[in-house]
Protein backbone atom coordinates (compact mmCIF):
# COMPACT_ATOMS: atom_id res chain seq x y z
CA MET A 1 -38.44 -27.95 -13.01
CA LYS A 2 -38.90 -24.26 -13.65
CA PRO A 3 -35.78 -22.31 -12.69
CA VAL A 4 -36.17 -19.93 -9.81
CA SER A 5 -35.07 -16.39 -10.48
CA LYS A 6 -33.27 -14.68 -7.63
CA THR A 7 -31.80 -11.24 -7.26
CA PHE A 8 -28.44 -11.06 -5.51
CA TRP A 9 -27.32 -7.72 -4.09
CA LEU A 10 -23.64 -6.92 -4.24
CA PHE A 11 -24.20 -4.40 -1.44
CA PRO A 12 -27.14 -5.80 0.56
CA TRP A 13 -27.36 -2.84 2.93
CA ARG A 14 -28.47 -0.63 0.06
CA GLN A 15 -31.85 -2.31 -0.14
CA MET A 16 -32.49 -1.76 3.56
CA SER A 17 -30.98 1.71 4.11
CA VAL A 18 -33.06 3.84 6.46
CA THR A 19 -34.33 7.16 5.16
CA LEU A 20 -35.69 10.30 6.80
CA LYS A 21 -39.13 9.18 5.60
CA ASP A 22 -38.81 5.97 7.64
CA ILE A 23 -37.99 7.94 10.78
CA ALA A 24 -40.84 10.39 10.10
CA ARG A 25 -43.29 7.50 9.76
CA LYS A 26 -42.10 5.97 13.04
CA VAL A 27 -42.40 9.17 15.11
CA GLY A 28 -45.44 10.61 13.32
CA LYS A 29 -43.69 13.80 12.24
CA SER A 30 -42.99 15.39 8.87
CA VAL A 31 -39.74 14.69 6.99
CA THR A 32 -38.82 18.37 7.36
CA THR A 33 -39.22 18.23 11.14
CA VAL A 34 -37.13 15.05 11.32
CA SER A 35 -34.38 16.62 9.22
CA ARG A 36 -34.31 19.79 11.31
CA ALA A 37 -34.30 17.75 14.53
CA LEU A 38 -31.29 15.73 13.39
CA HIS A 39 -29.48 18.95 12.44
CA ASP A 40 -30.25 20.45 15.87
CA TYR A 41 -32.25 23.46 14.66
CA ASP A 42 -33.50 25.78 17.42
CA ASP A 43 -37.10 25.76 16.17
CA VAL A 44 -37.49 22.07 17.09
CA SER A 45 -38.30 21.30 20.73
CA PRO A 46 -35.84 19.26 22.84
CA GLU A 47 -38.53 16.60 23.30
CA THR A 48 -38.99 16.17 19.54
CA LYS A 49 -35.22 16.09 19.00
CA ALA A 50 -34.87 13.34 21.59
CA LEU A 51 -37.75 11.37 20.04
CA VAL A 52 -36.31 11.64 16.52
CA ARG A 53 -32.77 10.71 17.59
CA GLN A 54 -34.04 7.70 19.52
CA ALA A 55 -35.98 6.50 16.47
CA ALA A 56 -33.00 7.10 14.21
CA SER A 57 -30.82 5.04 16.53
CA GLU A 58 -33.35 2.20 16.75
CA LEU A 59 -33.76 2.05 12.97
CA GLY A 60 -29.99 2.21 12.35
CA TYR A 61 -30.13 5.46 10.42
CA ILE A 62 -26.81 6.54 8.85
CA PRO A 63 -26.70 10.17 7.64
CA ASN A 64 -25.70 10.79 4.05
CA ILE A 65 -22.49 12.73 4.65
CA LEU A 66 -21.85 13.19 0.94
CA ALA A 67 -25.24 14.82 0.41
CA GLN A 68 -24.67 17.13 3.37
CA ARG A 69 -21.30 18.17 2.00
CA LEU A 70 -22.70 18.82 -1.45
CA GLN A 71 -25.45 20.93 0.07
CA LYS A 72 -22.95 23.25 1.72
CA GLN A 73 -20.68 23.11 -1.38
CA ARG A 74 -17.70 21.73 0.53
CA THR A 75 -16.19 18.28 0.77
CA ASP A 76 -14.58 18.74 4.20
CA THR A 77 -11.55 17.03 2.67
CA LEU A 78 -7.99 18.27 2.24
CA GLY A 79 -5.72 16.97 -0.53
CA PHE A 80 -2.13 15.82 -0.02
CA ILE A 81 -0.21 14.51 -3.04
CA LEU A 82 3.17 13.16 -1.98
CA PRO A 83 5.86 13.36 -4.68
CA THR A 84 7.64 10.01 -4.71
CA PHE A 85 11.24 9.59 -5.80
CA GLY A 86 11.49 5.96 -6.87
CA PRO A 87 9.39 2.78 -6.54
CA ARG A 88 10.43 2.12 -2.92
CA PHE A 89 10.23 5.68 -1.68
CA SER A 90 10.11 5.84 2.10
CA ASP A 91 10.94 8.78 4.33
CA PRO A 92 10.15 8.97 8.08
CA PHE A 93 10.05 12.75 7.68
CA PHE A 94 6.73 12.53 5.85
CA SER A 95 5.27 10.06 8.33
CA GLU A 96 5.69 12.62 11.09
CA PHE A 97 4.53 15.50 8.89
CA LEU A 98 1.41 13.62 7.79
CA ALA A 99 0.63 12.69 11.40
CA GLY A 100 0.60 16.40 12.24
CA ILE A 101 -1.72 17.15 9.33
CA GLY A 102 -4.02 14.23 10.05
CA ASN A 103 -4.48 14.91 13.74
CA LYS A 104 -5.16 18.61 13.21
CA ALA A 105 -7.55 17.84 10.33
CA THR A 106 -9.52 15.43 12.53
CA GLU A 107 -9.69 18.06 15.27
CA LEU A 108 -11.09 20.57 12.75
CA GLY A 109 -13.58 18.10 11.23
CA TYR A 110 -11.76 17.36 7.97
CA ASP A 111 -10.63 14.22 6.16
CA ILE A 112 -7.38 13.84 4.21
CA LEU A 113 -7.18 12.53 0.66
CA VAL A 114 -3.64 11.16 0.22
CA ALA A 115 -2.16 10.27 -3.17
CA THR A 116 1.36 9.59 -4.45
CA ARG A 117 2.76 10.64 -7.81
CA PRO A 118 6.24 10.97 -9.30
CA PRO A 119 7.18 14.63 -9.77
CA GLY A 120 6.34 16.07 -13.17
CA GLU A 121 3.48 15.95 -15.63
CA GLU A 122 1.71 12.99 -14.01
CA GLU A 123 1.76 14.81 -10.68
CA LEU A 124 0.36 18.03 -12.19
CA ARG A 125 -2.35 16.01 -13.97
CA ALA A 126 -3.44 14.61 -10.60
CA TYR A 127 -3.86 18.15 -9.26
CA ARG A 128 -5.93 19.12 -12.30
CA ASP A 129 -8.15 16.04 -12.05
CA ILE A 130 -8.86 16.54 -8.35
CA VAL A 131 -9.53 20.27 -8.74
CA GLN A 132 -11.87 19.74 -11.70
CA SER A 133 -13.79 16.97 -9.93
CA TYR A 134 -14.14 19.02 -6.70
CA ARG A 135 -12.92 16.15 -4.56
CA VAL A 136 -11.12 18.35 -2.03
CA ASP A 137 -11.50 21.86 -0.63
CA GLY A 138 -7.80 22.66 -0.78
CA PHE A 139 -4.28 21.23 -1.00
CA ILE A 140 -1.24 20.94 1.24
CA LEU A 141 1.93 20.97 -0.88
CA VAL A 142 5.36 19.61 0.06
CA ARG A 143 8.80 19.44 -1.54
CA THR A 144 8.38 22.76 -3.33
CA ARG A 145 10.61 23.32 -6.34
CA ARG A 146 12.46 26.45 -7.31
CA ASN A 147 10.23 26.62 -10.39
CA ASP A 148 7.02 24.98 -9.21
CA CYS A 149 4.29 24.40 -11.80
CA ARG A 150 1.90 23.07 -9.11
CA ILE A 151 1.89 26.38 -7.28
CA GLN A 152 1.61 28.32 -10.52
CA TYR A 153 -1.44 26.23 -11.52
CA LEU A 154 -3.19 26.61 -8.15
CA LEU A 155 -2.55 30.37 -8.10
CA GLU A 156 -3.95 30.71 -11.63
CA THR A 157 -7.09 28.73 -10.77
CA GLY A 158 -7.55 30.42 -7.39
CA PHE A 159 -7.79 27.04 -5.66
CA PRO A 160 -6.97 27.12 -1.90
CA PHE A 161 -3.60 25.72 -0.84
CA VAL A 162 -0.80 26.10 1.68
CA ALA A 163 2.74 24.94 0.96
CA PHE A 164 5.46 23.63 3.18
CA GLY A 165 8.24 25.50 1.41
CA ARG A 166 9.05 28.49 -0.76
CA THR A 167 9.76 28.90 -4.48
CA GLU A 168 11.58 31.39 -6.69
CA ASN A 169 9.18 31.75 -9.61
CA THR A 170 5.77 32.71 -8.23
CA GLY A 171 4.02 35.60 -6.58
CA PRO A 172 2.99 35.65 -2.91
CA TYR A 173 1.26 32.56 -1.55
CA PRO A 174 0.70 31.07 1.93
CA TYR A 175 3.49 28.86 3.20
CA VAL A 176 5.32 27.59 6.25
CA ASP A 177 9.04 26.94 5.81
CA GLU A 178 12.22 26.44 7.75
CA ASP A 179 15.28 28.55 7.04
CA GLY A 180 17.43 25.79 5.58
CA GLU A 181 20.21 28.16 4.59
CA TYR A 182 20.55 29.32 8.19
CA GLY A 183 20.34 25.75 9.50
CA MET A 184 23.18 24.49 7.32
CA ARG A 185 25.32 27.50 8.26
CA LEU A 186 24.88 26.43 11.90
CA VAL A 187 26.20 22.98 10.98
CA VAL A 188 29.28 24.23 9.13
CA ARG A 189 30.02 26.80 11.84
CA HIS A 190 29.93 24.06 14.48
CA LEU A 191 32.17 21.71 12.49
CA ALA A 192 34.65 24.51 11.76
CA ARG A 193 34.81 25.38 15.47
CA LEU A 194 35.68 21.76 16.17
CA GLY A 195 38.70 22.20 13.90
CA HIS A 196 37.47 20.57 10.69
CA ARG A 197 38.72 22.04 7.42
CA ARG A 198 37.75 19.44 4.83
CA ILE A 199 33.98 19.38 5.24
CA ALA A 200 32.03 17.45 2.59
CA PHE A 201 28.41 18.09 1.65
CA LEU A 202 25.88 15.42 0.68
CA GLY A 203 23.40 17.42 -1.38
CA ALA A 204 20.08 16.76 -3.06
CA PRO A 205 18.63 17.74 -6.46
CA GLU A 206 18.84 21.53 -6.61
CA ASN A 207 15.49 21.91 -8.34
CA LEU A 208 14.09 21.25 -4.85
CA MET A 209 13.95 24.59 -3.07
CA PHE A 210 14.98 23.26 0.34
CA ALA A 211 17.96 21.43 -1.18
CA HIS A 212 19.11 24.61 -2.91
CA CYS A 213 18.80 26.59 0.34
CA ARG A 214 20.77 24.02 2.32
CA LYS A 215 23.54 23.94 -0.25
CA GLN A 216 23.73 27.73 -0.16
CA GLY A 217 23.98 27.49 3.61
CA TYR A 218 26.93 25.11 3.26
CA ILE A 219 28.70 27.43 0.81
CA HIS A 220 28.06 30.53 2.92
CA GLY A 221 29.09 28.69 6.08
CA MET A 222 32.40 27.70 4.50
CA GLU A 223 32.96 31.31 3.43
CA GLU A 224 32.20 32.61 6.93
CA ALA A 225 34.70 30.14 8.40
CA GLY A 226 37.35 31.22 5.88
CA LEU A 227 37.44 27.76 4.32
CA PRO A 228 37.73 27.03 0.60
CA THR A 229 34.81 25.31 -1.11
CA ASP A 230 36.23 22.22 -2.81
CA PRO A 231 33.90 20.99 -5.61
CA SER A 232 35.20 17.44 -5.13
CA LEU A 233 33.66 17.44 -1.64
CA ILE A 234 30.17 18.34 -2.88
CA THR A 235 27.90 15.52 -4.06
CA THR A 236 24.29 15.36 -5.23
CA GLY A 237 22.08 12.43 -4.25
CA ASP A 238 18.45 11.40 -3.89
CA LEU A 239 17.97 11.89 -0.12
CA THR A 240 17.92 8.15 0.63
CA GLN A 241 19.97 6.21 3.16
CA ARG A 242 21.38 4.04 0.38
CA ASP A 243 22.57 7.06 -1.55
CA GLY A 244 24.18 8.57 1.54
CA TYR A 245 26.03 5.29 2.01
CA GLU A 246 27.29 5.13 -1.57
CA LYS A 247 28.26 8.81 -1.82
CA THR A 248 30.20 8.57 1.43
CA LEU A 249 32.18 5.56 0.22
CA GLN A 250 33.12 7.58 -2.88
CA LEU A 251 34.28 10.49 -0.72
CA LEU A 252 36.32 8.21 1.54
CA ASP A 253 38.06 6.72 -1.50
CA THR A 254 39.43 10.09 -2.67
CA PRO A 255 43.14 10.93 -2.14
CA SER A 256 42.22 13.58 0.46
CA PRO A 257 39.02 12.35 2.14
CA PRO A 258 36.95 14.70 4.29
CA THR A 259 37.17 14.74 8.08
CA ALA A 260 33.53 15.80 8.35
CA ILE A 261 30.39 15.24 6.30
CA ALA A 262 27.28 17.45 6.40
CA ALA A 263 24.27 15.69 4.90
CA SER A 264 21.15 17.38 3.51
CA ASN A 265 18.86 15.15 5.55
CA ASP A 266 19.04 12.59 8.32
CA LEU A 267 18.53 9.55 6.09
CA MET A 268 21.62 10.38 4.03
CA ALA A 269 23.54 11.03 7.25
CA LEU A 270 22.54 7.60 8.61
CA GLY A 271 23.80 6.06 5.38
CA ALA A 272 27.04 8.00 5.76
CA ILE A 273 27.50 6.63 9.29
CA SER A 274 27.08 3.06 8.00
CA ALA A 275 29.60 3.69 5.21
CA ALA A 276 32.19 5.16 7.58
CA GLN A 277 31.77 2.27 10.00
CA SER A 278 32.12 -0.24 7.16
CA ARG A 279 35.59 1.24 6.54
CA GLY A 280 36.55 0.82 10.18
CA LEU A 281 36.16 4.49 11.10
CA HIS A 282 34.88 5.53 14.52
CA VAL A 283 32.18 8.12 13.88
CA GLY A 284 32.65 11.05 16.24
CA ALA A 285 36.39 10.44 16.57
CA ASP A 286 37.81 9.58 13.13
CA ILE A 287 35.13 11.44 11.21
CA ALA A 288 32.24 13.77 12.05
CA ILE A 289 28.82 13.32 10.42
CA THR A 290 25.75 15.56 10.70
CA GLY A 291 22.20 15.41 9.38
CA PHE A 292 19.21 17.70 8.95
CA ASP A 293 15.53 17.38 10.11
CA ASN A 294 15.91 15.56 13.45
CA ILE A 295 13.69 12.59 12.58
CA PRO A 296 13.13 10.13 15.48
CA LEU A 297 15.83 7.77 14.14
CA ALA A 298 18.47 10.48 14.62
CA GLU A 299 18.35 10.24 18.40
CA THR A 300 18.57 6.44 18.50
CA SER A 301 21.23 5.90 15.81
CA HIS A 302 24.67 4.60 16.76
CA PRO A 303 26.18 7.00 17.54
CA PRO A 304 23.32 9.48 18.06
CA LEU A 305 23.24 11.93 15.17
CA THR A 306 24.03 15.63 15.38
CA THR A 307 21.35 17.29 13.29
CA VAL A 308 19.31 20.40 12.63
CA HIS A 309 15.94 20.33 14.35
CA GLN A 310 12.75 21.49 12.76
CA PRO A 311 9.35 20.78 14.38
CA ILE A 312 8.02 18.52 11.63
CA TYR A 313 4.84 17.43 13.42
CA GLN A 314 3.99 20.99 14.45
CA ILE A 315 4.61 22.28 10.92
CA GLY A 316 2.09 19.72 9.66
CA GLN A 317 -0.43 21.08 12.14
CA MET A 318 0.34 24.68 11.17
CA VAL A 319 -0.17 24.22 7.43
CA CYS A 320 -3.39 22.29 8.04
CA GLU A 321 -4.80 25.00 10.31
CA MET A 322 -3.80 27.72 7.83
CA LEU A 323 -5.51 25.90 4.97
CA VAL A 324 -8.76 25.37 6.88
CA GLY A 325 -8.72 29.06 7.80
CA ILE A 326 -8.49 29.95 4.10
CA ILE A 327 -11.26 27.51 3.13
CA THR A 328 -13.71 28.66 5.80
CA GLY A 329 -12.89 32.33 5.40
CA ALA A 330 -11.83 32.64 9.04
CA HIS A 331 -8.31 33.67 7.94
CA PRO A 332 -8.45 34.16 4.16
CA HIS A 333 -5.03 35.84 3.91
CA PRO A 334 -2.70 34.22 6.46
CA GLU A 335 0.84 35.48 6.92
CA SER A 336 3.52 33.07 5.75
CA VAL A 337 5.88 31.73 8.39
CA LEU A 338 9.66 31.24 8.17
CA LEU A 339 10.98 29.24 11.12
CA LYS A 340 14.52 29.41 12.48
CA PRO A 341 15.84 25.88 13.04
CA SER A 342 18.24 24.92 15.83
CA LEU A 343 21.29 22.67 16.00
CA ILE A 344 21.03 19.52 18.13
CA VAL A 345 24.55 18.41 19.03
CA ARG A 346 25.00 14.69 19.67
CA GLU A 347 27.87 12.22 19.55
CA SER A 348 28.26 11.79 15.77
CA CYS A 349 30.40 14.91 15.38
CA GLY A 350 32.58 14.39 18.47
CA THR A 351 34.33 17.25 20.24
CA GLN A 352 37.23 19.58 19.54
CA ALA A 353 39.53 17.09 21.23
CA THR A 354 38.44 14.27 18.90
CA ALA A 355 38.49 16.27 15.66
CA PRO A 356 41.12 14.79 13.31
CA ALA A 357 44.18 16.80 12.35
CA ASN A 358 43.81 18.33 8.89
C-alpha cells in the first residue's frame, strides 16, 4: 500500500487565521476601508463600521496586536526586573507593589513584562538584552543601590524608566521614594520614650540605598535620644524572616541583651518575634519589636506588629503612571517624589508601663 502523506500543524489555528482580505471579501469593501473601519476612523460611515465589525465577529477575526504596536513604534509593555536574593526569595512587599503597578498599567492600556535576576552582571545583562530587542517601552526599577549600574546604564542610553528609590552616584532621574531615615528615627524615638535604652537594629546590606537610609535613621535616632550606639547591637541580614529569627537569637544570647529590637523590614521583625517567643519572652512586655513597611502580615501577627507605614500599593501605581507619562510625552519630565512615612503603633512594642528596666 502506498503511504499517505499528511501534514500536521503544530498550531492549527495558523492555517485558518482570518485576515482583513477575508473580511473585505465578505462585505464587498476594500481592505483599506475595512482596516479604517476597524480602527474607527471618522471618514468611514457608522453603517460601514457596523457592517465590518459584524463580519469580523462572524469570521472570528483576531487583530494582530504586535503589528499594530510595531506600526506605532511602541510595545505598550513596561519592564519590571525583580532582583532576587536567594533561590527561595519571597517578599509580600513586592506582591503588593506589583499589584499596584499591574492594575494601573491595565487601566492605562499597558502590559507588564516581569523577570527575575540575581543582582549584578546577570541582572544588568537582562536590561541590555531587553533594551536592545525593544521588548518594552520603559522600566520600573526597585531596590536601588547606592551605586546603581542599572540607573547609570539607562541614563546613558536615554531609555525611559522610573525608580522606586534613590541612589548616591547618578545625576537627576525620576523616582518615588519613602524617607527611610525619617521613618527609622520615628521608631527609635518611640522606643526611647517608652524607656528603652538598649535598642538593637536588624539591618540589611548597606549597598541597598533604603537599607543605608534606615540604618542612618537608627543612628541619628539614638543620638537624638541621647543614647550610645553599641556596635554589638547592630546586625546585618538578608531581609528574610529566617534571618530575623537567627539574628535575634544571637542578640538574646549576648551578656547584655537588648530590651527592644528595630528591624529594617517587617519580615525580619516577624522572625524576631518568633525567636523571642521561642525563648519564652512575652513580646510587648519582656521585649519590644518593631518592623518597617506595614505589609498585610504585620497587622495579623501575634502580637500585631508596630511598624512604619508606607503606601506600597499606591507607590506602585505612582511609578507606573509616571513612567507612562514619560513614554507618551504627556509628562516627559516628572518631579520626583519623597514620601514621609508614618509610625503605626501596635502591641509588639508594649507601653511605657511594660517597658523592661534597663
